[in-house]
C-alpha atoms as a PDB file:
ATOM      1  CA  MET A   1      36.315  86.849  22.793  1.00  0.00           C
ATOM      2  CA  THR A   2      36.112  90.325  23.966  1.00  0.00           C
ATOM      3  CA  ALA A   3      32.501  91.755  24.719  1.00  0.00           C
ATOM      4  CA  PRO A   4      31.471  94.816  22.509  1.00  0.00           C
ATOM      5  CA  ALA A   5      32.303  97.921  23.961  1.00  0.00           C
ATOM      6  CA  LEU A   6      28.656  98.611  23.888  1.00  0.00           C
ATOM      7  CA  THR A   7      25.693  96.278  23.163  1.00  0.00           C
ATOM      8  CA  LEU A   8      21.840  97.394  22.972  1.00  0.00           C
ATOM      9  CA  ASP A   9      19.904  93.806  23.544  1.00  0.00           C
ATOM     10  CA  GLY A  10      16.240  94.375  22.477  1.00  0.00           C
ATOM     11  CA  VAL A  11      15.722  97.576  24.329  1.00  0.00           C
ATOM     12  CA  SER A  12      12.171  99.472  23.936  1.00  0.00           C
ATOM     13  CA  CYS A  13      11.789 102.712  25.044  1.00  0.00           C
ATOM     14  CA  THR A  14       8.258 103.943  25.852  1.00  0.00           C
ATOM     15  CA  PHE A  15       6.944 107.184  27.171  1.00  0.00           C
ATOM     16  CA  VAL A  16       4.177 107.404  29.045  1.00  0.00           C
ATOM     17  CA  SER A  17       1.881 110.846  29.354  1.00  0.00           C
ATOM     18  CA  ARG A  18       2.038 112.292  33.153  1.00  0.00           C
ATOM     19  CA  ASP A  19      -1.306 113.868  32.712  1.00  0.00           C
ATOM     20  CA  ASP A  20      -2.755 110.959  30.914  1.00  0.00           C
ATOM     21  CA  PRO A  21      -1.111 107.542  31.575  1.00  0.00           C
ATOM     22  CA  SER A  22      -3.293 105.915  28.777  1.00  0.00           C
ATOM     23  CA  GLN A  23      -1.183 107.939  26.176  1.00  0.00           C
ATOM     24  CA  ARG A  24       1.698 106.269  25.280  1.00  0.00           C
ATOM     25  CA  TYR A  25       4.555 106.673  22.879  1.00  0.00           C
ATOM     26  CA  THR A  26       7.162 103.621  22.025  1.00  0.00           C
ATOM     27  CA  ALA A  27       9.710 105.335  20.287  1.00  0.00           C
ATOM     28  CA  VAL A  28      12.161 102.412  19.317  1.00  0.00           C
ATOM     29  CA  ARG A  29      10.956  98.696  19.906  1.00  0.00           C
ATOM     30  CA  HIS A  30      13.065  95.871  20.310  1.00  0.00           C
ATOM     31  CA  VAL A  31      16.319  97.154  18.802  1.00  0.00           C
ATOM     32  CA  SER A  32      19.513  95.353  19.071  1.00  0.00           C
ATOM     33  CA  LEU A  33      23.053  96.425  18.207  1.00  0.00           C
ATOM     34  CA  LYS A  34      26.492  96.053  19.135  1.00  0.00           C
ATOM     35  CA  VAL A  35      29.173  98.392  18.735  1.00  0.00           C
ATOM     36  CA  GLY A  36      32.821  96.988  18.991  1.00  0.00           C
ATOM     37  CA  SER A  37      35.845  98.375  20.736  1.00  0.00           C
ATOM     38  CA  GLY A  38      37.564 100.531  18.204  1.00  0.00           C
ATOM     39  CA  GLU A  39      34.681 100.749  15.497  1.00  0.00           C
ATOM     40  CA  PHE A  40      32.988 103.776  14.307  1.00  0.00           C
ATOM     41  CA  VAL A  41      28.996 103.164  14.026  1.00  0.00           C
ATOM     42  CA  SER A  42      26.862 105.571  12.642  1.00  0.00           C
ATOM     43  CA  VAL A  43      23.010 105.466  12.931  1.00  0.00           C
ATOM     44  CA  VAL A  44      20.644 107.189  10.595  1.00  0.00           C
ATOM     45  CA  GLY A  45      17.091 107.351   9.788  1.00  0.00           C
ATOM     46  CA  PRO A  46      14.067 109.478   9.093  1.00  0.00           C
ATOM     47  CA  THR A  47      13.539 112.549  11.661  1.00  0.00           C
ATOM     48  CA  GLY A  48      12.014 111.528  14.900  1.00  0.00           C
ATOM     49  CA  CYS A  49      12.874 107.869  14.488  1.00  0.00           C
ATOM     50  CA  GLY A  50      14.222 107.483  18.239  1.00  0.00           C
ATOM     51  CA  LYS A  51      17.828 108.149  17.115  1.00  0.00           C
ATOM     52  CA  SER A  52      18.544 110.228  20.003  1.00  0.00           C
ATOM     53  CA  THR A  53      16.532 107.772  22.095  1.00  0.00           C
ATOM     54  CA  LEU A  54      19.203 105.274  21.834  1.00  0.00           C
ATOM     55  CA  LEU A  55      21.813 107.165  22.239  1.00  0.00           C
ATOM     56  CA  ASN A  56      20.282 108.360  25.518  1.00  0.00           C
ATOM     57  CA  MET A  57      20.027 104.464  26.723  1.00  0.00           C
ATOM     58  CA  SER A  58      23.938 103.871  25.798  1.00  0.00           C
ATOM     59  CA  ALA A  59      24.593 107.007  27.960  1.00  0.00           C
ATOM     60  CA  GLY A  60      22.127 105.508  30.719  1.00  0.00           C
ATOM     61  CA  LEU A  61      20.269 108.851  30.729  1.00  0.00           C
ATOM     62  CA  LEU A  62      17.147 107.089  29.644  1.00  0.00           C
ATOM     63  CA  LEU A  63      16.230 103.482  31.599  1.00  0.00           C
ATOM     64  CA  PRO A  64      15.200 100.954  29.079  1.00  0.00           C
ATOM     65  CA  SER A  65      11.389  99.795  28.790  1.00  0.00           C
ATOM     66  CA  THR A  66      12.462  96.538  27.789  1.00  0.00           C
ATOM     67  CA  GLY A  67      15.580  95.058  26.924  1.00  0.00           C
ATOM     68  CA  GLU A  68      18.901  95.745  28.414  1.00  0.00           C
ATOM     69  CA  VAL A  69      21.971  97.929  27.911  1.00  0.00           C
ATOM     70  CA  HIS A  70      25.742  96.188  28.013  1.00  0.00           C
ATOM     71  CA  VAL A  71      29.106  98.221  28.502  1.00  0.00           C
ATOM     72  CA  PHE A  72      31.989  96.016  27.953  1.00  0.00           C
ATOM     73  CA  GLY A  73      30.024  92.660  28.898  1.00  0.00           C
ATOM     74  CA  GLN A  74      28.581  94.507  32.038  1.00  0.00           C
ATOM     75  CA  LYS A  75      24.792  95.585  32.763  1.00  0.00           C
ATOM     76  CA  LEU A  76      24.393  99.156  32.530  1.00  0.00           C
ATOM     77  CA  ALA A  77      22.846 100.348  35.753  1.00  0.00           C
ATOM     78  CA  GLY A  78      22.928 104.003  35.967  1.00  0.00           C
ATOM     79  CA  ILE A  79      24.711 106.654  34.109  1.00  0.00           C
ATOM     80  CA  ASN A  80      27.770 105.146  31.726  1.00  0.00           C
ATOM     81  CA  GLY A  81      30.813 106.002  33.120  1.00  0.00           C
ATOM     82  CA  ARG A  82      32.809 104.702  30.306  1.00  0.00           C
ATOM     83  CA  ALA A  83      31.565 107.205  28.076  1.00  0.00           C
ATOM     84  CA  GLY A  84      31.477 110.760  26.292  1.00  0.00           C
ATOM     85  CA  TYR A  85      28.285 112.296  25.140  1.00  0.00           C
ATOM     86  CA  MET A  86      28.756 115.346  22.911  1.00  0.00           C
ATOM     87  CA  PHE A  87      25.284 116.944  22.274  1.00  0.00           C
ATOM     88  CA  GLN A  88      23.562 118.449  19.377  1.00  0.00           C
ATOM     89  CA  ALA A  89      22.977 121.680  21.401  1.00  0.00           C
ATOM     90  CA  GLU A  90      25.274 124.168  22.681  1.00  0.00           C
ATOM     91  CA  SER A  91      26.533 122.036  25.977  1.00  0.00           C
ATOM     92  CA  LEU A  92      29.160 125.018  26.889  1.00  0.00           C
ATOM     93  CA  MET A  93      28.933 126.595  30.577  1.00  0.00           C
ATOM     94  CA  PRO A  94      28.766 130.309  29.547  1.00  0.00           C
ATOM     95  CA  TRP A  95      30.515 131.851  32.611  1.00  0.00           C
ATOM     96  CA  ARG A  96      33.786 129.642  32.178  1.00  0.00           C
ATOM     97  CA  THR A  97      36.082 130.091  29.377  1.00  0.00           C
ATOM     98  CA  ALA A  98      36.950 127.900  26.713  1.00  0.00           C
ATOM     99  CA  LEU A  99      40.241 126.390  29.305  1.00  0.00           C
ATOM    100  CA  GLU A 100      37.760 126.430  32.208  1.00  0.00           C
ATOM    101  CA  ASN A 101      35.370 124.626  30.342  1.00  0.00           C
ATOM    102  CA  VAL A 102      37.186 122.140  29.191  1.00  0.00           C
ATOM    103  CA  MET A 103      39.108 121.687  32.580  1.00  0.00           C
ATOM    104  CA  ALA A 104      35.198 120.888  34.294  1.00  0.00           C
ATOM    105  CA  GLY A 105      35.204 117.368  34.172  1.00  0.00           C
ATOM    106  CA  LEU A 106      38.734 116.282  35.112  1.00  0.00           C
ATOM    107  CA  SER A 107      38.864 118.956  38.169  1.00  0.00           C
ATOM    108  CA  PHE A 108      35.416 117.409  39.444  1.00  0.00           C
ATOM    109  CA  ARG A 109      37.272 114.110  39.124  1.00  0.00           C
ATOM    110  CA  GLY A 110      40.145 115.379  40.947  1.00  0.00           C
ATOM    111  CA  ILE A 111      42.779 115.407  38.251  1.00  0.00           C
ATOM    112  CA  ALA A 112      45.534 117.305  39.553  1.00  0.00           C
ATOM    113  CA  ASP A 113      47.265 118.380  36.276  1.00  0.00           C
ATOM    114  CA  ALA A 114      43.796 118.861  34.586  1.00  0.00           C
ATOM    115  CA  ARG A 115      44.927 122.436  33.155  1.00  0.00           C
ATOM    116  CA  GLN A 116      47.738 121.332  31.253  1.00  0.00           C
ATOM    117  CA  GLN A 117      45.294 118.264  30.111  1.00  0.00           C
ATOM    118  CA  ALA A 118      43.237 120.798  29.154  1.00  0.00           C
ATOM    119  CA  GLU A 119      45.689 123.011  27.590  1.00  0.00           C
ATOM    120  CA  ASP A 120      46.796 120.283  25.397  1.00  0.00           C
ATOM    121  CA  TRP A 121      43.385 119.154  24.564  1.00  0.00           C
ATOM    122  CA  LEU A 122      42.945 122.758  22.984  1.00  0.00           C
ATOM    123  CA  LYS A 123      46.063 122.371  21.329  1.00  0.00           C
ATOM    124  CA  ARG A 124      44.696 119.209  19.805  1.00  0.00           C
ATOM    125  CA  VAL A 125      41.404 120.767  18.063  1.00  0.00           C
ATOM    126  CA  GLY A 126      43.472 123.804  16.937  1.00  0.00           C
ATOM    127  CA  LEU A 127      42.325 126.425  19.915  1.00  0.00           C
ATOM    128  CA  GLY A 128      45.627 126.549  21.833  1.00  0.00           C
ATOM    129  CA  GLY A 129      45.082 130.217  21.722  1.00  0.00           C
ATOM    130  CA  PHE A 130      41.916 130.331  22.682  1.00  0.00           C
ATOM    131  CA  GLY A 131      41.734 129.194  26.115  1.00  0.00           C
ATOM    132  CA  ASP A 132      40.772 132.545  27.609  1.00  0.00           C
ATOM    133  CA  ARG A 133      37.887 133.424  25.477  1.00  0.00           C
ATOM    134  CA  TYR A 134      34.400 132.847  26.916  1.00  0.00           C
ATOM    135  CA  PRO A 135      31.498 131.335  24.931  1.00  0.00           C
ATOM    136  CA  HIS A 136      29.812 134.130  23.080  1.00  0.00           C
ATOM    137  CA  GLN A 137      33.176 135.231  22.118  1.00  0.00           C
ATOM    138  CA  LEU A 138      33.961 132.288  20.007  1.00  0.00           C
ATOM    139  CA  SER A 139      32.175 131.291  16.334  1.00  0.00           C
ATOM    140  CA  GLY A 140      29.831 128.196  16.006  1.00  0.00           C
ATOM    141  CA  GLY A 141      32.942 126.153  14.753  1.00  0.00           C
ATOM    142  CA  MET A 142      35.255 127.469  17.638  1.00  0.00           C
ATOM    143  CA  ARG A 143      33.092 126.158  20.527  1.00  0.00           C
ATOM    144  CA  LYS A 144      32.062 122.675  18.785  1.00  0.00           C
ATOM    145  CA  ARG A 145      35.673 122.186  18.808  1.00  0.00           C
ATOM    146  CA  VAL A 146      35.959 123.301  22.661  1.00  0.00           C
ATOM    147  CA  SER A 147      32.812 120.926  22.988  1.00  0.00           C
ATOM    148  CA  LEU A 148      34.970 118.033  21.384  1.00  0.00           C
ATOM    149  CA  ALA A 149      37.784 118.600  23.869  1.00  0.00           C
ATOM    150  CA  GLN A 150      35.378 118.627  26.655  1.00  0.00           C
ATOM    151  CA  THR A 151      34.639 115.405  25.489  1.00  0.00           C
ATOM    152  CA  LEU A 152      38.129 113.672  24.607  1.00  0.00           C
ATOM    153  CA  VAL A 153      39.763 115.143  27.368  1.00  0.00           C
ATOM    154  CA  LEU A 154      38.189 112.505  29.416  1.00  0.00           C
ATOM    155  CA  ASP A 155      39.775 109.830  27.650  1.00  0.00           C
ATOM    156  CA  PRO A 156      36.242 107.696  27.891  1.00  0.00           C
ATOM    157  CA  ASP A 157      36.302 104.488  26.522  1.00  0.00           C
ATOM    158  CA  ILE A 158      32.928 105.205  24.273  1.00  0.00           C
ATOM    159  CA  ILE A 159      32.029 108.294  22.576  1.00  0.00           C
ATOM    160  CA  LEU A 160      28.423 108.945  21.812  1.00  0.00           C
ATOM    161  CA  MET A 161      27.929 111.839  19.648  1.00  0.00           C
ATOM    162  CA  ASP A 162      23.965 112.942  18.590  1.00  0.00           C
ATOM    163  CA  GLU A 163      24.352 115.304  14.896  1.00  0.00           C
ATOM    164  CA  PRO A 164      27.230 117.171  16.682  1.00  0.00           C
ATOM    165  CA  PHE A 165      28.205 119.119  13.505  1.00  0.00           C
ATOM    166  CA  SER A 166      24.757 119.883  12.208  1.00  0.00           C
ATOM    167  CA  ALA A 167      24.034 123.381  12.729  1.00  0.00           C
ATOM    168  CA  LEU A 168      27.218 124.098  11.031  1.00  0.00           C
ATOM    169  CA  ASP A 169      28.369 125.667   7.596  1.00  0.00           C
ATOM    170  CA  ILE A 170      29.409 122.775   5.182  1.00  0.00           C
ATOM    171  CA  GLN A 171      33.372 124.017   4.811  1.00  0.00           C
ATOM    172  CA  THR A 172      33.903 123.844   8.968  1.00  0.00           C
ATOM    173  CA  ARG A 173      31.276 120.938   9.310  1.00  0.00           C
ATOM    174  CA  GLN A 174      34.339 118.927   6.940  1.00  0.00           C
ATOM    175  CA  LEU A 175      36.971 120.351   8.963  1.00  0.00           C
ATOM    176  CA  MET A 176      35.438 118.716  12.290  1.00  0.00           C
ATOM    177  CA  GLU A 177      34.659 115.564  10.640  1.00  0.00           C
ATOM    178  CA  ASN A 178      38.487 114.770   9.821  1.00  0.00           C
ATOM    179  CA  GLU A 179      39.326 116.381  13.380  1.00  0.00           C
ATOM    180  CA  VAL A 180      37.354 113.195  14.877  1.00  0.00           C
ATOM    181  CA  LEU A 181      38.333 110.741  12.437  1.00  0.00           C
ATOM    182  CA  ASP A 182      41.845 112.201  13.040  1.00  0.00           C
ATOM    183  CA  ILE A 183      41.520 111.516  16.431  1.00  0.00           C
ATOM    184  CA  TRP A 184      39.504 108.427  16.073  1.00  0.00           C
ATOM    185  CA  ASN A 185      42.347 106.921  14.008  1.00  0.00           C
ATOM    186  CA  ALA A 186      44.821 107.886  16.936  1.00  0.00           C
ATOM    187  CA  LYS A 187      42.917 106.606  19.727  1.00  0.00           C
ATOM    188  CA  LYS A 188      40.633 104.115  18.386  1.00  0.00           C
ATOM    189  CA  LYS A 189      37.628 104.773  20.922  1.00  0.00           C
ATOM    190  CA  ALA A 190      33.897 102.987  20.445  1.00  0.00           C
ATOM    191  CA  VAL A 191      32.141 105.580  18.756  1.00  0.00           C
ATOM    192  CA  LEU A 192      28.253 105.778  18.005  1.00  0.00           C
ATOM    193  CA  PHE A 193      27.357 108.408  16.225  1.00  0.00           C
ATOM    194  CA  ILE A 194      23.765 110.091  15.310  1.00  0.00           C
ATOM    195  CA  THR A 195      23.306 111.975  12.105  1.00  0.00           C
ATOM    196  CA  HIS A 196      20.408 112.981   9.653  1.00  0.00           C
ATOM    197  CA  ASP A 197      23.586 113.237   7.003  1.00  0.00           C
ATOM    198  CA  LEU A 198      24.100 109.421   4.898  1.00  0.00           C
ATOM    199  CA  ASP A 199      27.026 111.400   3.152  1.00  0.00           C
ATOM    200  CA  GLU A 200      28.745 112.319   6.641  1.00  0.00           C
ATOM    201  CA  ALA A 201      27.417 108.368   8.132  1.00  0.00           C
ATOM    202  CA  ILE A 202      28.929 106.924   4.822  1.00  0.00           C
ATOM    203  CA  ALA A 203      32.586 108.878   4.745  1.00  0.00           C
ATOM    204  CA  MET A 204      33.078 108.754   8.637  1.00  0.00           C
ATOM    205  CA  SER A 205      32.006 105.007   9.749  1.00  0.00           C
ATOM    206  CA  ASP A 206      32.959 101.779   9.529  1.00  0.00           C
ATOM    207  CA  ARG A 207      29.386 100.360   9.283  1.00  0.00           C
ATOM    208  CA  VAL A 208      26.051 102.244   9.386  1.00  0.00           C
ATOM    209  CA  VAL A 209      22.434 101.199  10.607  1.00  0.00           C
ATOM    210  CA  VAL A 210      19.287 102.685   9.361  1.00  0.00           C
ATOM    211  CA  LEU A 211      16.396 102.912  11.423  1.00  0.00           C
ATOM    212  CA  SER A 212      12.501 102.784  10.436  1.00  0.00           C
ATOM    213  CA  ALA A 213      10.613 105.866  10.416  1.00  0.00           C
ATOM    214  CA  GLY A 214       8.722 106.209  14.067  1.00  0.00           C
ATOM    215  CA  PRO A 215       6.777 105.216  16.321  1.00  0.00           C
ATOM    216  CA  ALA A 216       8.181 101.818  17.192  1.00  0.00           C
ATOM    217  CA  SER A 217      11.197 102.415  15.266  1.00  0.00           C
ATOM    218  CA  HIS A 218      13.636  99.696  14.600  1.00  0.00           C
ATOM    219  CA  PRO A 219      16.517  98.387  12.635  1.00  0.00           C
ATOM    220  CA  ILE A 220      15.733  97.601   8.768  1.00  0.00           C
ATOM    221  CA  GLY A 221      19.346  97.520   7.211  1.00  0.00           C
ATOM    222  CA  GLU A 222      23.098  97.667   8.167  1.00  0.00           C
ATOM    223  CA  PHE A 223      25.826  98.435   5.696  1.00  0.00           C
ATOM    224  CA  HIS A 224      29.725  97.586   6.451  1.00  0.00           C
ATOM    225  CA  ILE A 225      31.282 100.898   5.007  1.00  0.00           C
ATOM    226  CA  ASP A 226      34.575  98.855   3.084  1.00  0.00           C
ATOM    227  CA  LEU A 227      35.783 102.421   2.144  1.00  0.00           C
ATOM    228  CA  GLU A 228      39.817 102.606   2.724  1.00  0.00           C
ATOM    229  CA  ARG A 229      41.310 104.321   5.857  1.00  0.00           C
ATOM    230  CA  PRO A 230      42.593 106.985   6.486  1.00  0.00           C
ATOM    231  CA  ARG A 231      39.587 109.206   4.850  1.00  0.00           C
ATOM    232  CA  ASP A 232      38.984 112.776   3.837  1.00  0.00           C
ATOM    233  CA  VAL A 233      35.166 113.067   4.285  1.00  0.00           C
ATOM    234  CA  ALA A 234      35.703 115.489   1.143  1.00  0.00           C
ATOM    235  CA  GLU A 235      37.547 113.602  -1.228  1.00  0.00           C
ATOM    236  CA  VAL A 236      35.943 109.903  -0.698  1.00  0.00           C
ATOM    237  CA  ARG A 237      32.855 111.425  -1.719  1.00  0.00           C
ATOM    238  CA  THR A 238      33.927 110.848  -5.334  1.00  0.00           C
ATOM    239  CA  ALA A 239      35.012 107.493  -5.023  1.00  0.00           C
ATOM    240  CA  PRO A 240      33.268 105.185  -6.848  1.00  0.00           C
ATOM    241  CA  ARG A 241      32.392 102.560  -3.930  1.00  0.00           C
ATOM    242  CA  PHE A 242      31.188 105.127  -1.642  1.00  0.00           C
ATOM    243  CA  VAL A 243      28.266 105.939  -4.748  1.00  0.00           C
ATOM    244  CA  ASP A 244      27.593 102.986  -4.763  1.00  0.00           C
ATOM    245  CA  LEU A 245      27.213 102.689  -1.267  1.00  0.00           C
ATOM    246  CA  HIS A 246      25.117 105.807  -1.025  1.00  0.00           C
ATOM    247  CA  LYS A 247      22.208 104.189  -3.600  1.00  0.00           C
ATOM    248  CA  ALA A 248      22.280 100.999  -1.698  1.00  0.00           C
ATOM    249  CA  ILE A 249      21.237 102.455   1.503  1.00  0.00           C
ATOM    250  CA  TRP A 250      19.625 105.498   0.298  1.00  0.00           C
ATOM    251  CA  ASP A 251      17.505 102.529  -1.623  1.00  0.00           C
ATOM    252  CA  VAL A 252      16.484 101.398   1.809  1.00  0.00           C
ATOM    253  CA  LEU A 253      16.105 104.585   3.431  1.00  0.00           C
ATOM    254  CA  ARG A 254      14.041 106.570   1.228  1.00  0.00           C
ATOM    255  CA  GLU A 255      10.567 105.090   1.734  1.00  0.00           C
ATOM    256  CA  GLU A 256      11.042 105.289   5.512  1.00  0.00           C
ATOM    257  CA  VAL A 257      12.167 109.217   5.382  1.00  0.00           C
ATOM    258  CA  LEU A 258       8.975 109.496   2.887  1.00  0.00           C
ATOM    259  CA  LYS A 259       6.888 107.870   5.555  1.00  0.00           C
ATOM    260  CA  GLY A 260       8.592 110.436   8.150  1.00  0.00           C
ATOM    261  CA  TYR A 261       8.004 113.242   6.502  1.00  0.00           C
ATOM    262  CA  LYS A 262       3.812 112.176   5.482  1.00  0.00           C
ATOM    263  CA  GLN A 263       3.775 111.170   9.320  1.00  0.00           C
ATOM    264  CA  GLN A 264       4.999 115.174  10.391  1.00  0.00           C
ATOM    265  CA  LEU A 265       2.231 116.614   7.501  1.00  0.00           C
ATOM    266  CA  ALA A 266      -0.523 114.986   9.560  1.00  0.00           C
ATOM    267  CA  ALA A 267       0.490 115.355  13.023  1.00  0.00           C
END
């Protein structure tokens, strides 16, 4: 059998205070999760439950305190070179144009036709005429499109996405979600997608994993999304099966969201 694209095998991550080593915080504990080649998996959970921590371990930016991360069957040591990471925060270099931002990774790798590939990807995300614009000259939605092109131009086998559309208005967000689904349908890369938005998770995914409230967050539910593809994220929300899945997942997630909210109030 072919190994999954990404495997988190019993991973935990504990942060230790520099000032007082006795002060420790375990973000996630004993998490096991697999993402198959061509599979779109979303992780949902309360604020502060360690979703981004899992993504950072998958990228090789964080070393698990216990457990292991495997990429296509090989233990991950260092940065995950087969993954592209689309961050929640702005990641564009303000002194570079949109085209130069998309070209940057290719140029660093010494790719001869970096400019042509970058131009092609800007066209694919609807920004063919905006390559000479700087980030401050672009709208929020346009900057996200540049970030998407910047991530996908490197043709990663695994795409890691950390709430990439959370700051966008609903119309732009739905356009971007459909953009990602169209590209994913064409390329069938493995995707690990972090989101607070349950509707977004169901509309986009093959599988949704629910995390408990932190600390020591861990999976408490896993749901296969059997909605027909291809999907339009706005239209699919009206499907009876979507409503049933939303209710089933929310029944598991609701109590954890309340726990997380109470913890924030007590902090």
